[in-house]
Amino acid sequence: MNARSLALAATALAALATQAFAADMEKDKMANTEKCYGVALAGKNDCAAGAGTTCAGTSKVDYQGNSWKAVAKGTCTGIKTPKGTGSLESMKT
């Protein structure tokens, strides 16, 4: 194996290790959080829940009921918004 092949192999292994580390970090983050629907401000949601959202930052209005934000476990339903409280399930918008 020549130096170029070794460098390419090392780069590929480093990329795989980085992806695995990022996935583990995301799992750890989500282990202490819950998805809370209807509490995110426009463009500040963490990911999709239905029509009008695709993923992070795509909610169109404040407190959109079908977009969620990761919050500390056990706190979602206590979050008060002008449209009510947070929900552990997607709500109609």
C-alpha atoms as a PDB file:
ATOM      1  CA  MET A   1       0.000   0.000   0.000  1.00  0.00           C
ATOM      2  CA  ASN A   2       1.457   3.372  -0.962  1.00  0.00           C
ATOM      3  CA  ALA A   3       1.430   6.585   1.099  1.00  0.00           C
ATOM      4  CA  ARG A   4      -1.522   8.051  -0.819  1.00  0.00           C
ATOM      5  CA  SER A   5      -3.657   4.954  -0.201  1.00  0.00           C
ATOM      6  CA  LEU A   6      -2.745   4.999   3.476  1.00  0.00           C
ATOM      7  CA  ALA A   7      -3.677   8.675   3.728  1.00  0.00           C
ATOM      8  CA  LEU A   8      -7.037   8.065   2.056  1.00  0.00           C
ATOM      9  CA  ALA A   9      -7.752   5.114   4.328  1.00  0.00           C
ATOM     10  CA  ALA A  10      -6.829   7.137   7.417  1.00  0.00           C
ATOM     11  CA  THR A  11      -9.077   9.995   6.283  1.00  0.00           C
ATOM     12  CA  ALA A  12     -11.987   7.617   5.718  1.00  0.00           C
ATOM     13  CA  LEU A  13     -11.522   6.039   9.156  1.00  0.00           C
ATOM     14  CA  ALA A  14     -11.356   9.459  10.796  1.00  0.00           C
ATOM     15  CA  ALA A  15     -14.600  10.497   9.065  1.00  0.00           C
ATOM     16  CA  LEU A  16     -16.357   7.337  10.249  1.00  0.00           C
ATOM     17  CA  ALA A  17     -15.118   7.844  13.796  1.00  0.00           C
ATOM     18  CA  THR A  18     -16.342  11.458  13.756  1.00  0.00           C
ATOM     19  CA  GLN A  19     -19.801  10.376  12.570  1.00  0.00           C
ATOM     20  CA  ALA A  20     -20.003   7.698  15.254  1.00  0.00           C
ATOM     21  CA  PHE A  21     -18.946  10.200  17.932  1.00  0.00           C
ATOM     22  CA  ALA A  22     -21.570  12.710  16.751  1.00  0.00           C
ATOM     23  CA  ALA A  23     -24.275  10.019  16.839  1.00  0.00           C
ATOM     24  CA  ASP A  24     -23.268   9.060  20.395  1.00  0.00           C
ATOM     25  CA  MET A  25     -23.350  12.719  21.459  1.00  0.00           C
ATOM     26  CA  GLU A  26     -26.857  13.106  19.992  1.00  0.00           C
ATOM     27  CA  LYS A  27     -28.042   9.989  21.848  1.00  0.00           C
ATOM     28  CA  ASP A  28     -26.616  11.343  25.116  1.00  0.00           C
ATOM     29  CA  LYS A  29     -28.310  14.704  24.546  1.00  0.00           C
ATOM     30  CA  MET A  30     -31.676  13.093  23.806  1.00  0.00           C
ATOM     31  CA  ALA A  31     -31.399  10.746  26.813  1.00  0.00           C
ATOM     32  CA  ASN A  32     -31.965  13.703  29.138  1.00  0.00           C
ATOM     33  CA  THR A  33     -34.511  15.521  26.990  1.00  0.00           C
ATOM     34  CA  GLU A  34     -37.957  15.059  25.532  1.00  0.00           C
ATOM     35  CA  LYS A  35     -39.619  16.330  22.374  1.00  0.00           C
ATOM     36  CA  CYS A  36     -41.906  19.207  23.305  1.00  0.00           C
ATOM     37  CA  TYR A  37     -44.389  20.317  20.660  1.00  0.00           C
ATOM     38  CA  GLY A  38     -45.753  23.824  20.321  1.00  0.00           C
ATOM     39  CA  VAL A  39     -43.084  25.684  22.292  1.00  0.00           C
ATOM     40  CA  ALA A  40     -40.518  26.683  19.663  1.00  0.00           C
ATOM     41  CA  LEU A  41     -40.339  30.140  18.166  1.00  0.00           C
ATOM     42  CA  ALA A  42     -40.453  30.457  14.365  1.00  0.00           C
ATOM     43  CA  GLY A  43     -37.285  29.039  12.863  1.00  0.00           C
ATOM     44  CA  LYS A  44     -36.062  27.690  16.224  1.00  0.00           C
ATOM     45  CA  ASN A  45     -37.547  24.176  16.204  1.00  0.00           C
ATOM     46  CA  ASP A  46     -35.231  21.190  16.562  1.00  0.00           C
ATOM     47  CA  CYS A  47     -36.899  19.032  13.930  1.00  0.00           C
ATOM     48  CA  ALA A  48     -39.952  18.023  11.950  1.00  0.00           C
ATOM     49  CA  ALA A  49     -43.272  16.676  13.055  1.00  0.00           C
ATOM     50  CA  GLY A  50     -45.510  17.203  10.052  1.00  0.00           C
ATOM     51  CA  ALA A  51     -46.483  19.330   7.098  1.00  0.00           C
ATOM     52  CA  GLY A  52     -44.708  22.662   6.955  1.00  0.00           C
ATOM     53  CA  THR A  53     -41.517  21.471   8.649  1.00  0.00           C
ATOM     54  CA  THR A  54     -38.618  19.455   7.329  1.00  0.00           C
ATOM     55  CA  CYS A  55     -36.096  19.719  10.117  1.00  0.00           C
ATOM     56  CA  ALA A  56     -34.280  22.114  12.409  1.00  0.00           C
ATOM     57  CA  GLY A  57     -35.146  25.750  11.933  1.00  0.00           C
ATOM     58  CA  THR A  58     -38.044  25.286   9.505  1.00  0.00           C
ATOM     59  CA  SER A  59     -41.079  26.159  11.624  1.00  0.00           C
ATOM     60  CA  LYS A  60     -42.976  29.042  10.058  1.00  0.00           C
ATOM     61  CA  VAL A  61     -44.705  30.563  13.104  1.00  0.00           C
ATOM     62  CA  ASP A  62     -44.147  30.840  16.822  1.00  0.00           C
ATOM     63  CA  TYR A  63     -45.467  27.884  18.831  1.00  0.00           C
ATOM     64  CA  GLN A  64     -46.228  25.770  15.736  1.00  0.00           C
ATOM     65  CA  GLY A  65     -47.987  22.693  17.086  1.00  0.00           C
ATOM     66  CA  ASN A  66     -46.385  20.191  14.728  1.00  0.00           C
ATOM     67  CA  SER A  67     -42.781  21.215  15.384  1.00  0.00           C
ATOM     68  CA  TRP A  68     -40.802  20.247  18.447  1.00  0.00           C
ATOM     69  CA  LYS A  69     -37.974  21.523  20.576  1.00  0.00           C
ATOM     70  CA  ALA A  70     -35.833  19.330  22.818  1.00  0.00           C
ATOM     71  CA  VAL A  71     -36.355  20.328  26.461  1.00  0.00           C
ATOM     72  CA  ALA A  72     -35.226  18.851  29.767  1.00  0.00           C
ATOM     73  CA  LYS A  73     -37.127  15.666  30.638  1.00  0.00           C
ATOM     74  CA  GLY A  74     -40.217  16.282  32.696  1.00  0.00           C
ATOM     75  CA  THR A  75     -40.540  19.981  31.839  1.00  0.00           C
ATOM     76  CA  CYS A  76     -42.515  20.046  28.581  1.00  0.00           C
ATOM     77  CA  THR A  77     -46.081  20.176  29.820  1.00  0.00           C
ATOM     78  CA  GLY A  78     -45.155  22.897  32.321  1.00  0.00           C
ATOM     79  CA  ILE A  79     -43.934  25.271  29.607  1.00  0.00           C
ATOM     80  CA  LYS A  80     -46.517  28.015  29.089  1.00  0.00           C
ATOM     81  CA  THR A  81     -46.903  29.848  25.778  1.00  0.00           C
ATOM     82  CA  PRO A  82     -49.479  32.356  24.505  1.00  0.00           C
ATOM     83  CA  LYS A  83     -51.167  29.355  22.824  1.00  0.00           C
ATOM     84  CA  GLY A  84     -51.264  27.104  25.891  1.00  0.00           C
ATOM     85  CA  THR A  85     -48.739  24.653  27.313  1.00  0.00           C
ATOM     86  CA  GLY A  86     -46.197  22.401  25.652  1.00  0.00           C
ATOM     87  CA  SER A  87     -47.299  18.947  24.548  1.00  0.00           C
ATOM     88  CA  LEU A  88     -45.532  15.600  24.344  1.00  0.00           C
ATOM     89  CA  GLU A  89     -47.526  14.895  21.154  1.00  0.00           C
ATOM     90  CA  SER A  90     -47.891  16.822  17.922  1.00  0.00           C
ATOM     91  CA  MET A  91     -50.787  19.266  17.942  1.00  0.00           C
ATOM     92  CA  LYS A  92     -52.858  20.828  15.172  1.00  0.00           C
ATOM     93  CA  THR A  93     -51.422  24.143  14.076  1.00  0.00           C
END
